[in-house]
Amino acid sequence: MVKINKSVKISYWIGIFIVFVTHLYMLGYGMPADQIVGHSILNLVAGCLLAYSWFGRK
């Protein structure tokens, strides 16, 4: 059985939250050109958090 510590679980849920919120925002309001860089950075952070949660499992 895989044991998951608290920081891994929190990282996973924060990453999922970032991805869903940024994409719901895009669907609802569109993505002006000046917000593309911020969106990309947030999704890279989310990807890192999700990778940490995947590789941080024991």
C-alpha atoms as a PDB file:
ATOM      1  CA  MET A   1       0.000   0.000   0.000  1.00  0.00           C
ATOM      2  CA  VAL A   2       1.235   3.481  -0.851  1.00  0.00           C
ATOM      3  CA  LYS A   3       1.730   5.776   2.139  1.00  0.00           C
ATOM      4  CA  ILE A   4       1.086   9.451   1.376  1.00  0.00           C
ATOM      5  CA  ASN A   5       2.363  12.159   3.704  1.00  0.00           C
ATOM      6  CA  LYS A   6       0.479  15.393   4.339  1.00  0.00           C
ATOM      7  CA  SER A   7       2.645  17.714   2.191  1.00  0.00           C
ATOM      8  CA  VAL A   8       2.245  15.430  -0.830  1.00  0.00           C
ATOM      9  CA  LYS A   9      -1.527  15.377  -0.427  1.00  0.00           C
ATOM     10  CA  ILE A  10      -1.709  19.162  -0.014  1.00  0.00           C
ATOM     11  CA  SER A  11       0.537  19.698  -3.062  1.00  0.00           C
ATOM     12  CA  TYR A  12      -1.720  17.511  -5.158  1.00  0.00           C
ATOM     13  CA  TRP A  13      -4.889  19.389  -4.229  1.00  0.00           C
ATOM     14  CA  ILE A  14      -3.289  22.824  -4.674  1.00  0.00           C
ATOM     15  CA  GLY A  15      -2.053  21.777  -8.130  1.00  0.00           C
ATOM     16  CA  ILE A  16      -5.483  20.494  -9.150  1.00  0.00           C
ATOM     17  CA  PHE A  17      -7.121  23.666  -7.809  1.00  0.00           C
ATOM     18  CA  ILE A  18      -4.775  25.920  -9.819  1.00  0.00           C
ATOM     19  CA  VAL A  19      -5.413  24.013 -13.044  1.00  0.00           C
ATOM     20  CA  PHE A  20      -9.197  24.011 -12.671  1.00  0.00           C
ATOM     21  CA  VAL A  21      -9.497  27.642 -11.568  1.00  0.00           C
ATOM     22  CA  THR A  22      -7.268  29.001 -14.332  1.00  0.00           C
ATOM     23  CA  HIS A  23      -9.097  27.005 -16.977  1.00  0.00           C
ATOM     24  CA  LEU A  24     -12.534  27.925 -15.682  1.00  0.00           C
ATOM     25  CA  TYR A  25     -11.425  31.570 -15.774  1.00  0.00           C
ATOM     26  CA  MET A  26     -10.269  31.113 -19.373  1.00  0.00           C
ATOM     27  CA  LEU A  27     -13.593  29.562 -20.365  1.00  0.00           C
ATOM     28  CA  GLY A  28     -15.634  32.229 -18.620  1.00  0.00           C
ATOM     29  CA  TYR A  29     -13.715  35.401 -19.402  1.00  0.00           C
ATOM     30  CA  GLY A  30     -11.300  34.533 -22.163  1.00  0.00           C
ATOM     31  CA  MET A  31      -7.566  35.084 -21.982  1.00  0.00           C
ATOM     32  CA  PRO A  32      -6.299  38.525 -22.971  1.00  0.00           C
ATOM     33  CA  ALA A  33      -2.750  38.625 -24.303  1.00  0.00           C
ATOM     34  CA  ASP A  34      -1.401  40.327 -21.178  1.00  0.00           C
ATOM     35  CA  GLN A  35      -2.576  37.423 -18.966  1.00  0.00           C
ATOM     36  CA  ILE A  36      -1.017  34.585 -20.952  1.00  0.00           C
ATOM     37  CA  VAL A  37       2.342  34.735 -19.164  1.00  0.00           C
ATOM     38  CA  GLY A  38       0.685  34.637 -15.726  1.00  0.00           C
ATOM     39  CA  HIS A  39      -1.495  31.738 -16.789  1.00  0.00           C
ATOM     40  CA  SER A  40       1.523  29.836 -18.075  1.00  0.00           C
ATOM     41  CA  ILE A  41       3.494  30.401 -14.869  1.00  0.00           C
ATOM     42  CA  LEU A  42       0.572  29.285 -12.695  1.00  0.00           C
ATOM     43  CA  ASN A  43       0.159  26.121 -14.740  1.00  0.00           C
ATOM     44  CA  LEU A  44       3.894  25.375 -14.540  1.00  0.00           C
ATOM     45  CA  VAL A  45       3.694  25.745 -10.747  1.00  0.00           C
ATOM     46  CA  ALA A  46       0.664  23.444 -10.733  1.00  0.00           C
ATOM     47  CA  GLY A  47       2.560  20.918 -12.848  1.00  0.00           C
ATOM     48  CA  CYS A  48       5.492  20.990 -10.428  1.00  0.00           C
ATOM     49  CA  LEU A  49       3.157  20.479  -7.459  1.00  0.00           C
ATOM     50  CA  LEU A  50       1.467  17.560  -9.197  1.00  0.00           C
ATOM     51  CA  ALA A  51       4.854  16.039 -10.111  1.00  0.00           C
ATOM     52  CA  TYR A  52       5.994  16.448  -6.489  1.00  0.00           C
ATOM     53  CA  SER A  53       2.849  14.707  -5.287  1.00  0.00           C
ATOM     54  CA  TRP A  54       3.405  11.866  -7.756  1.00  0.00           C
ATOM     55  CA  PHE A  55       7.100  11.325  -6.999  1.00  0.00           C
ATOM     56  CA  GLY A  56       6.716  12.087  -3.289  1.00  0.00           C
ATOM     57  CA  ARG A  57       4.628   8.997  -2.635  1.00  0.00           C
ATOM     58  CA  LYS A  58       6.270   6.204  -0.640  1.00  0.00           C
END
